[in-house]
Protein backbone atom coordinates (compact mmCIF):
# COMPACT_ATOMS: atom_id res chain seq x y z
CA UNK A 1 132.52 29.94 114.28
CA UNK A 2 131.06 26.46 113.87
CA UNK A 3 129.89 25.76 110.34
CA UNK A 4 127.08 23.35 109.46
CA UNK A 5 126.52 21.98 106.01
CA UNK A 6 123.56 20.23 104.43
CA UNK A 7 123.96 16.62 103.37
CA UNK A 8 122.24 14.83 100.46
CA UNK A 9 119.40 13.65 102.71
CA UNK A 10 118.74 17.28 103.64
CA UNK A 11 117.92 18.30 100.06
CA UNK A 12 114.27 18.19 99.16
CA UNK A 13 112.62 20.81 101.32
CA UNK A 14 112.81 19.17 104.72
CA UNK A 15 112.75 21.49 107.71
CA UNK A 16 116.35 21.81 109.00
CA UNK A 17 115.07 22.54 112.50
CA UNK A 18 113.25 19.20 112.78
CA UNK A 19 115.89 16.92 111.26
CA UNK A 20 116.23 13.50 112.90
CA UNK A 21 119.77 12.93 111.61
CA UNK A 22 122.63 15.17 112.72
CA UNK A 23 124.09 17.66 110.27
CA UNK A 24 127.21 16.71 108.39
CA UNK A 25 130.39 18.70 108.76
CA UNK A 26 132.00 20.41 105.78
CA UNK A 27 134.35 17.46 105.38
CA UNK A 28 131.49 14.91 105.43
CA UNK A 29 129.05 16.71 103.14
CA UNK A 30 129.09 16.48 99.39
CA UNK A 31 130.29 19.93 98.19
CA UNK A 32 128.22 19.85 95.01
CA UNK A 33 125.03 19.09 96.95
CA UNK A 34 125.77 21.93 99.38
CA UNK A 35 126.41 24.41 96.56
CA UNK A 36 123.27 23.29 94.70
CA UNK A 37 121.10 23.58 97.82
CA UNK A 38 122.58 26.95 98.78
CA UNK A 39 121.94 28.33 95.29
CA UNK A 40 118.32 27.14 95.45
CA UNK A 41 117.89 28.80 98.85
CA UNK A 42 119.28 32.08 97.52
CA UNK A 43 116.76 32.03 94.67
CA UNK A 44 113.92 31.60 97.19
CA UNK A 45 115.02 34.75 99.07
CA UNK A 46 113.47 36.85 96.31
CA UNK A 47 110.10 36.43 98.05
CA UNK A 48 109.83 39.51 100.23
CA UNK A 49 107.96 38.79 103.42
CA UNK A 50 107.81 41.50 106.06
CA UNK A 51 106.69 41.29 109.67
CA UNK A 52 105.28 44.41 111.31
CA UNK A 53 104.99 44.45 115.09
CA UNK A 54 102.87 47.34 116.35
CA UNK A 55 102.94 48.06 120.08
CA UNK A 56 101.04 50.59 122.17
CA UNK A 57 100.69 51.38 125.85
CA UNK A 58 97.60 50.38 127.84
CA UNK A 59 96.60 54.07 127.82
CA UNK A 60 96.70 54.04 124.00
CA UNK A 61 94.67 50.83 123.72
CA UNK A 62 91.51 51.24 121.68
CA UNK A 63 89.64 49.41 124.44
CA UNK A 64 90.35 52.23 126.89
CA UNK A 65 90.88 55.27 124.67
CA UNK A 66 87.97 56.71 122.67
CA UNK A 67 90.26 58.90 120.53
CA UNK A 68 92.25 55.84 119.44
CA UNK A 69 89.02 53.92 118.85
CA UNK A 70 87.93 56.67 116.43
CA UNK A 71 91.29 56.53 114.60
CA UNK A 72 91.05 52.75 114.29
CA UNK A 73 87.46 53.02 113.06
CA UNK A 74 88.62 55.29 110.24
CA UNK A 75 91.90 53.46 109.53
CA UNK A 76 90.84 49.80 109.31
CA UNK A 77 88.51 50.17 106.30
CA UNK A 78 91.36 51.88 104.36
CA UNK A 79 93.82 49.01 104.73
CA UNK A 80 92.60 46.78 101.83
CA UNK A 81 92.70 49.75 99.41
CA UNK A 82 96.17 50.75 100.64
CA UNK A 83 97.41 47.17 100.21
CA UNK A 84 96.12 47.16 96.65
CA UNK A 85 97.60 50.62 95.96
CA UNK A 86 101.07 49.49 97.08
CA UNK A 87 100.79 45.92 95.70
CA UNK A 88 101.01 44.42 99.20
CA UNK A 89 99.29 41.21 100.23
CA UNK A 90 98.31 40.89 103.89
CA UNK A 91 99.07 37.29 104.88
CA UNK A 92 97.70 37.72 108.37
CA UNK A 93 97.03 40.09 111.23
CA UNK A 94 97.02 38.88 114.82
CA UNK A 95 96.37 40.79 118.04
CA UNK A 96 98.09 39.87 121.30
CA UNK A 97 95.67 41.52 123.69
CA UNK A 98 97.52 41.25 127.00
CA UNK A 99 100.80 42.56 125.56
CA UNK A 100 99.12 45.36 123.54
CA UNK A 101 100.73 44.24 120.29
CA UNK A 102 99.53 43.57 116.77
CA UNK A 103 101.52 41.46 114.32
CA UNK A 104 101.04 41.77 110.56
CA UNK A 105 102.63 39.48 107.98
CA UNK A 106 102.96 41.25 104.63
CA UNK A 107 104.08 40.04 101.21
CA UNK A 108 105.37 43.19 99.54
CA UNK A 109 107.49 44.14 96.52
CA UNK A 110 109.75 46.28 98.75
CA UNK A 111 110.31 47.54 102.27
CA UNK A 112 108.98 50.93 101.18
CA UNK A 113 105.71 49.45 99.89
CA UNK A 114 105.10 47.64 103.20
CA UNK A 115 106.03 50.76 105.15
CA UNK A 116 103.66 52.98 103.13
CA UNK A 117 100.72 50.70 103.98
CA UNK A 118 101.57 51.05 107.67
CA UNK A 119 102.05 54.84 107.46
CA UNK A 120 99.03 55.63 105.30
CA UNK A 121 96.77 53.40 107.42
CA UNK A 122 97.58 55.63 110.42
CA UNK A 123 98.75 52.60 112.42
CA UNK A 124 101.68 54.74 113.57
CA UNK A 125 99.36 57.29 115.21
CA UNK A 126 98.84 55.09 118.28
CA UNK A 127 101.58 52.44 117.91
CA UNK A 128 105.31 52.17 117.71
CA UNK A 129 105.84 49.94 114.67
CA UNK A 130 108.84 47.75 113.93
CA UNK A 131 109.04 46.50 110.34
CA UNK A 132 111.53 43.80 109.37
CA UNK A 133 112.06 41.52 106.42
CA UNK A 134 111.61 37.87 107.40
CA UNK A 135 113.14 34.68 106.00
CA UNK A 136 112.54 30.96 106.21
CA UNK A 137 115.22 29.08 108.21
CA UNK A 138 116.69 27.79 104.94
CA UNK A 139 116.89 31.29 103.46
CA UNK A 140 118.48 32.69 106.61
CA UNK A 141 121.09 29.93 106.62
CA UNK A 142 121.94 30.55 102.97
CA UNK A 143 122.30 34.30 103.56
CA UNK A 144 124.34 34.08 106.75
CA UNK A 145 126.63 31.22 105.83
CA UNK A 146 127.86 32.82 102.60
CA UNK A 147 129.14 31.05 99.51
CA UNK A 148 132.63 30.15 100.76
């Protein structure tokens, strides 16, 4: 496994995916800067962002299925109340029409809270829903690279 380490110029919130200078190797990087930056990234992981991807078939699309249209008509008005009930903040909902998918970005106190909004809103009645916790690139690097 190839390991990459952050150098002093990397500290300060810059996006590691758009860096103009190459990453330093473990031998080139300052160990104390790496440890400090990794600890800061681990603290940021406490923000729980979840991504829900809901997918349905063309036959289940509300544009071609009156039964689904009725479910959506009843479900959509309930979502703000359900978000408040479960202390979930909806950061965005986007529909990808041609692929029959909806993406929701949720800030939730737990996986269960995000899942309850999806279940109680009846989104699962006409969609297969995948719910995953999401991380910034910096958070993912800190989690996957370990503290060694």
